Each structure stands twice: as C-alpha cells, then as structure tokens.
Amino acid sequence: MLENLSRVERAVYELILRAGDLVAKDVPSKMAGVIPSLKRRGLIESYKRPATPGSSKKQTFLKTKKRE
C-alpha cells in the first residue's frame, strides 16, 4: 500500500508516524492537502480531543491506523 503513495503523501504519512499523535495544524500548509487522500486509503485517522487537560476547546489530531 505504501509503495502507491506520492512523494508528498509519503512525507506526510511519515511525519504523522514519527510524531504519534499530531495536531492537524502542525502539518505544513502546502502538505495538508493530502490528508483527505490518506484518510480515504485508510492509512490515517483523525479525532478531536482537548489539547490540554481541563480545556473545553477541542483540537483535531491525526494518527496512523494500526497496520496488520
């Protein structure tokens, strides 16, 4: 599956893989366009949670899905 990725898709995937949980805003803006295609391929998932404990505002985080 990873061999079919473009250079930018692979760079973003590896960035998220290295970071573990990554705030979506931390992905460079020129690379953020590939996030929907990585979601469609089932390589990453997004979820919302408070960035800091006790905060009511939630931020979107990205993480890689478990591969078998």
Protein backbone atom coordinates (compact mmCIF):
# COMPACT_ATOMS: atom_id res chain seq x y z
CA MET A 1 0.00 0.00 0.00
CA LEU A 2 2.78 2.46 0.86
CA GLU A 3 4.51 1.94 -2.49
CA ASN A 4 1.50 3.52 -4.26
CA LEU A 5 1.85 6.84 -2.39
CA SER A 6 3.12 10.01 -3.99
CA ARG A 7 6.20 11.70 -2.58
CA VAL A 8 4.14 14.27 -0.63
CA GLU A 9 1.70 11.64 0.69
CA ARG A 10 4.62 9.54 1.91
CA ALA A 11 6.25 12.57 3.59
CA VAL A 12 3.05 13.47 5.47
CA TYR A 13 2.43 9.84 6.44
CA GLU A 14 5.98 9.51 7.81
CA LEU A 15 5.61 12.82 9.68
CA ILE A 16 2.47 11.55 11.42
CA LEU A 17 4.07 8.15 12.03
CA ARG A 18 7.12 9.70 13.72
CA ALA A 19 5.03 12.09 15.83
CA GLY A 20 2.49 9.53 17.02
CA ASP A 21 -0.41 11.90 17.70
CA LEU A 22 -0.07 15.10 15.73
CA VAL A 23 -2.24 18.22 15.86
CA ALA A 24 -3.60 18.77 12.34
CA LYS A 25 -2.40 22.39 12.41
CA ASP A 26 1.19 21.18 12.74
CA VAL A 27 1.18 19.70 9.23
CA PRO A 28 2.73 22.26 6.85
CA SER A 29 0.03 24.07 4.88
CA LYS A 30 1.43 23.06 1.48
CA MET A 31 1.30 19.41 2.52
CA ALA A 32 -2.07 19.42 4.27
CA GLY A 33 -3.95 18.81 1.01
CA VAL A 34 -3.01 15.13 1.00
CA ILE A 35 -4.63 14.38 4.37
CA PRO A 36 -8.05 13.51 2.84
CA SER A 37 -6.46 11.06 0.39
CA LEU A 38 -4.55 9.36 3.22
CA LYS A 39 -7.84 9.07 5.15
CA ARG A 40 -9.58 7.54 2.12
CA ARG A 41 -6.79 4.99 1.74
CA GLY A 42 -7.25 4.07 5.41
CA LEU A 43 -3.71 4.97 6.47
CA ILE A 44 -4.54 7.70 8.97
CA GLU A 45 -7.48 8.70 11.14
CA SER A 46 -8.49 11.99 12.70
CA TYR A 47 -10.18 12.58 16.03
CA LYS A 48 -10.93 15.51 18.31
CA ARG A 49 -9.87 15.88 21.91
CA PRO A 50 -8.86 18.70 24.25
CA ALA A 51 -5.28 19.79 23.61
CA THR A 52 -4.65 20.38 27.31
CA PRO A 53 -6.34 18.75 30.30
CA GLY A 54 -9.20 20.84 31.65
CA SER A 55 -9.67 22.74 28.40
CA SER A 56 -13.13 22.83 26.87
CA LYS A 57 -11.85 23.65 23.37
CA LYS A 58 -11.05 20.60 21.25
CA GLN A 59 -8.46 20.29 18.52
CA THR A 60 -8.19 17.83 15.65
CA PHE A 61 -5.42 15.25 15.99
CA LEU A 62 -4.09 12.82 13.40
CA LYS A 63 -2.62 9.38 13.96
CA THR A 64 -1.75 6.39 11.83
CA LYS A 65 -4.00 3.38 11.87
CA LYS A 66 -2.65 0.07 13.08
CA ARG A 67 -1.39 -2.00 10.15
CA GLU A 68 -1.60 -5.76 10.21
